[in-house]
């Protein structure tokens, strides 16, 4: 068994697509309200509109507090800073500016449009 995809429910699909494209994921539409993109290592990210989630499961409720953190490995500390700056310059929220973490990584955190924490990191050396 392997993890193949992560589904994210999105209040504003276009804003979410823009956010995740800043992380290098290109999306294609696979039906009304459902978009998919693939990371460099093959993991699929699926974005679904709240409306689609309600069609699939009429009992589905909008999340109050997101409980997931997605972590995106970068090839260098400079890339961490660059992507963080692109995301925050595009009016998305910062959780923590890039810093050299005591465990040996350049690390930063931002929020996607639905409040999910996204960590951007790379080894320092």
C-alpha atoms as a PDB file:
ATOM      1  CA  UNK A   1       0.000   0.000   0.000  1.00  0.00           C
ATOM      2  CA  UNK A   2       1.205   3.529  -0.701  1.00  0.00           C
ATOM      3  CA  UNK A   3      -0.153   7.020  -0.254  1.00  0.00           C
ATOM      4  CA  UNK A   4      -1.239   8.088  -3.762  1.00  0.00           C
ATOM      5  CA  UNK A   5      -3.132  11.347  -3.282  1.00  0.00           C
ATOM      6  CA  UNK A   6      -4.197  14.000  -0.796  1.00  0.00           C
ATOM      7  CA  UNK A   7      -7.614  15.589  -1.208  1.00  0.00           C
ATOM      8  CA  UNK A   8      -8.196  19.140  -0.054  1.00  0.00           C
ATOM      9  CA  UNK A   9     -11.661  20.677   0.213  1.00  0.00           C
ATOM     10  CA  UNK A  10     -11.550  24.280  -1.064  1.00  0.00           C
ATOM     11  CA  UNK A  11     -13.929  27.145  -0.441  1.00  0.00           C
ATOM     12  CA  UNK A  12     -12.451  29.098  -3.393  1.00  0.00           C
ATOM     13  CA  UNK A  13     -11.013  26.679  -5.971  1.00  0.00           C
ATOM     14  CA  UNK A  14      -9.338  29.332  -8.126  1.00  0.00           C
ATOM     15  CA  UNK A  15      -7.547  30.868  -5.161  1.00  0.00           C
ATOM     16  CA  UNK A  16      -6.392  27.408  -4.022  1.00  0.00           C
ATOM     17  CA  UNK A  17      -5.157  26.548  -7.517  1.00  0.00           C
ATOM     18  CA  UNK A  18      -3.165  29.798  -7.611  1.00  0.00           C
ATOM     19  CA  UNK A  19      -1.644  29.030  -4.199  1.00  0.00           C
ATOM     20  CA  UNK A  20      -0.551  25.483  -5.027  1.00  0.00           C
ATOM     21  CA  UNK A  21       0.767  26.548  -8.451  1.00  0.00           C
ATOM     22  CA  UNK A  22       3.198  28.809  -6.551  1.00  0.00           C
ATOM     23  CA  UNK A  23       4.552  25.549  -5.082  1.00  0.00           C
ATOM     24  CA  UNK A  24       5.108  24.173  -8.600  1.00  0.00           C
ATOM     25  CA  UNK A  25       2.000  22.021  -9.041  1.00  0.00           C
ATOM     26  CA  UNK A  26       0.102  22.292 -12.339  1.00  0.00           C
ATOM     27  CA  UNK A  27      -3.577  21.392 -12.209  1.00  0.00           C
ATOM     28  CA  UNK A  28      -6.027  19.934 -14.696  1.00  0.00           C
ATOM     29  CA  UNK A  29      -9.773  19.824 -14.287  1.00  0.00           C
ATOM     30  CA  UNK A  30     -11.287  16.350 -13.978  1.00  0.00           C
ATOM     31  CA  UNK A  31     -14.961  17.210 -13.799  1.00  0.00           C
ATOM     32  CA  UNK A  32     -16.870  20.061 -12.297  1.00  0.00           C
ATOM     33  CA  UNK A  33     -15.295  21.193  -9.036  1.00  0.00           C
ATOM     34  CA  UNK A  34     -12.394  18.667  -9.092  1.00  0.00           C
ATOM     35  CA  UNK A  35      -8.803  19.476 -10.053  1.00  0.00           C
ATOM     36  CA  UNK A  36      -5.694  17.311  -9.817  1.00  0.00           C
ATOM     37  CA  UNK A  37      -1.975  18.016  -9.967  1.00  0.00           C
ATOM     38  CA  UNK A  38       1.094  15.894  -9.296  1.00  0.00           C
ATOM     39  CA  UNK A  39       4.137  16.738  -7.198  1.00  0.00           C
ATOM     40  CA  UNK A  40       7.674  15.977  -8.409  1.00  0.00           C
ATOM     41  CA  UNK A  41       7.697  12.700  -6.458  1.00  0.00           C
ATOM     42  CA  UNK A  42       4.381  11.541  -7.933  1.00  0.00           C
ATOM     43  CA  UNK A  43       1.977  12.327  -5.080  1.00  0.00           C
ATOM     44  CA  UNK A  44      -1.291  13.716  -6.438  1.00  0.00           C
ATOM     45  CA  UNK A  45      -2.926  16.755  -4.880  1.00  0.00           C
ATOM     46  CA  UNK A  46      -6.673  16.842  -5.481  1.00  0.00           C
ATOM     47  CA  UNK A  47      -8.617  20.056  -4.969  1.00  0.00           C
ATOM     48  CA  UNK A  48     -12.378  19.735  -4.554  1.00  0.00           C
ATOM     49  CA  UNK A  49     -14.912  22.537  -4.214  1.00  0.00           C
ATOM     50  CA  UNK A  50     -17.104  22.675  -1.142  1.00  0.00           C
ATOM     51  CA  UNK A  51     -20.065  22.301  -3.524  1.00  0.00           C
ATOM     52  CA  UNK A  52     -18.676  19.016  -4.899  1.00  0.00           C
ATOM     53  CA  UNK A  53     -18.014  17.735  -1.392  1.00  0.00           C
ATOM     54  CA  UNK A  54     -21.681  18.395  -0.531  1.00  0.00           C
ATOM     55  CA  UNK A  55     -22.849  16.608  -3.715  1.00  0.00           C
ATOM     56  CA  UNK A  56     -20.732  13.559  -2.875  1.00  0.00           C
ATOM     57  CA  UNK A  57     -21.877  13.510   0.748  1.00  0.00           C
ATOM     58  CA  UNK A  58     -24.933  15.607   1.643  1.00  0.00           C
ATOM     59  CA  UNK A  59     -23.932  15.319   5.327  1.00  0.00           C
ATOM     60  CA  UNK A  60     -20.457  16.818   4.687  1.00  0.00           C
ATOM     61  CA  UNK A  61     -19.728  19.900   6.791  1.00  0.00           C
ATOM     62  CA  UNK A  62     -17.268  22.689   6.105  1.00  0.00           C
ATOM     63  CA  UNK A  63     -14.216  22.255   8.340  1.00  0.00           C
ATOM     64  CA  UNK A  64     -13.937  24.604  11.326  1.00  0.00           C
ATOM     65  CA  UNK A  65     -10.231  24.116  11.962  1.00  0.00           C
ATOM     66  CA  UNK A  66      -7.953  22.484   9.410  1.00  0.00           C
ATOM     67  CA  UNK A  67      -5.936  19.701  10.945  1.00  0.00           C
ATOM     68  CA  UNK A  68      -3.408  18.875   8.252  1.00  0.00           C
ATOM     69  CA  UNK A  69       0.064  20.168   7.454  1.00  0.00           C
ATOM     70  CA  UNK A  70       1.584  19.517   4.038  1.00  0.00           C
ATOM     71  CA  UNK A  71       5.382  19.713   3.867  1.00  0.00           C
ATOM     72  CA  UNK A  72       7.147  20.601   0.616  1.00  0.00           C
ATOM     73  CA  UNK A  73      10.828  19.679   0.358  1.00  0.00           C
ATOM     74  CA  UNK A  74      12.933  22.132  -1.677  1.00  0.00           C
ATOM     75  CA  UNK A  75      16.353  21.639  -3.260  1.00  0.00           C
ATOM     76  CA  UNK A  76      18.039  24.490  -1.377  1.00  0.00           C
ATOM     77  CA  UNK A  77      17.624  27.040   1.417  1.00  0.00           C
ATOM     78  CA  UNK A  78      17.487  29.791  -1.231  1.00  0.00           C
ATOM     79  CA  UNK A  79      14.501  28.039  -2.847  1.00  0.00           C
ATOM     80  CA  UNK A  80      12.715  27.984   0.537  1.00  0.00           C
ATOM     81  CA  UNK A  81      13.149  31.755   0.798  1.00  0.00           C
ATOM     82  CA  UNK A  82      12.146  32.310  -2.838  1.00  0.00           C
ATOM     83  CA  UNK A  83       8.924  30.301  -2.651  1.00  0.00           C
ATOM     84  CA  UNK A  84       7.997  31.772   0.727  1.00  0.00           C
ATOM     85  CA  UNK A  85       8.481  35.286  -0.710  1.00  0.00           C
ATOM     86  CA  UNK A  86       6.390  34.465  -3.818  1.00  0.00           C
ATOM     87  CA  UNK A  87       3.568  33.119  -1.695  1.00  0.00           C
ATOM     88  CA  UNK A  88       3.485  36.022   0.771  1.00  0.00           C
ATOM     89  CA  UNK A  89       3.848  38.572  -2.057  1.00  0.00           C
ATOM     90  CA  UNK A  90       0.716  37.003  -3.571  1.00  0.00           C
ATOM     91  CA  UNK A  91      -1.224  37.960  -0.404  1.00  0.00           C
ATOM     92  CA  UNK A  92      -1.266  34.539   1.237  1.00  0.00           C
ATOM     93  CA  UNK A  93      -0.685  34.367   4.989  1.00  0.00           C
ATOM     94  CA  UNK A  94       2.614  33.661   6.688  1.00  0.00           C
ATOM     95  CA  UNK A  95       2.822  31.519   9.811  1.00  0.00           C
ATOM     96  CA  UNK A  96       6.611  31.707  10.235  1.00  0.00           C
ATOM     97  CA  UNK A  97       9.233  33.407   8.094  1.00  0.00           C
ATOM     98  CA  UNK A  98      12.133  31.265   6.822  1.00  0.00           C
ATOM     99  CA  UNK A  99      14.615  30.431   9.553  1.00  0.00           C
ATOM    100  CA  UNK A 100      17.491  28.069  10.144  1.00  0.00           C
ATOM    101  CA  UNK A 101      15.910  25.472  12.411  1.00  0.00           C
ATOM    102  CA  UNK A 102      17.946  23.800  15.128  1.00  0.00           C
ATOM    103  CA  UNK A 103      17.371  20.382  13.482  1.00  0.00           C
ATOM    104  CA  UNK A 104      19.395  21.413  10.408  1.00  0.00           C
ATOM    105  CA  UNK A 105      16.779  22.659   7.953  1.00  0.00           C
ATOM    106  CA  UNK A 106      15.787  25.986   6.450  1.00  0.00           C
ATOM    107  CA  UNK A 107      12.098  26.071   7.357  1.00  0.00           C
ATOM    108  CA  UNK A 108       9.066  28.303   6.847  1.00  0.00           C
ATOM    109  CA  UNK A 109       5.301  27.980   7.163  1.00  0.00           C
ATOM    110  CA  UNK A 110       2.394  29.593   5.324  1.00  0.00           C
ATOM    111  CA  UNK A 111      -1.371  29.026   5.155  1.00  0.00           C
ATOM    112  CA  UNK A 112      -3.271  27.943   2.073  1.00  0.00           C
ATOM    113  CA  UNK A 113      -6.559  29.762   1.326  1.00  0.00           C
ATOM    114  CA  UNK A 114      -8.502  27.332   3.534  1.00  0.00           C
ATOM    115  CA  UNK A 115      -6.196  27.641   6.540  1.00  0.00           C
ATOM    116  CA  UNK A 116      -4.165  24.452   6.052  1.00  0.00           C
ATOM    117  CA  UNK A 117      -0.576  24.885   7.184  1.00  0.00           C
ATOM    118  CA  UNK A 118       2.018  24.430   4.436  1.00  0.00           C
ATOM    119  CA  UNK A 119       5.637  23.971   5.469  1.00  0.00           C
ATOM    120  CA  UNK A 120       8.442  24.716   3.011  1.00  0.00           C
ATOM    121  CA  UNK A 121      11.868  23.355   3.906  1.00  0.00           C
ATOM    122  CA  UNK A 122      15.247  22.059   2.774  1.00  0.00           C
ATOM    123  CA  UNK A 123      18.403  20.766   4.401  1.00  0.00           C
ATOM    124  CA  UNK A 124      20.733  23.634   5.308  1.00  0.00           C
ATOM    125  CA  UNK A 125      23.759  21.865   3.824  1.00  0.00           C
END
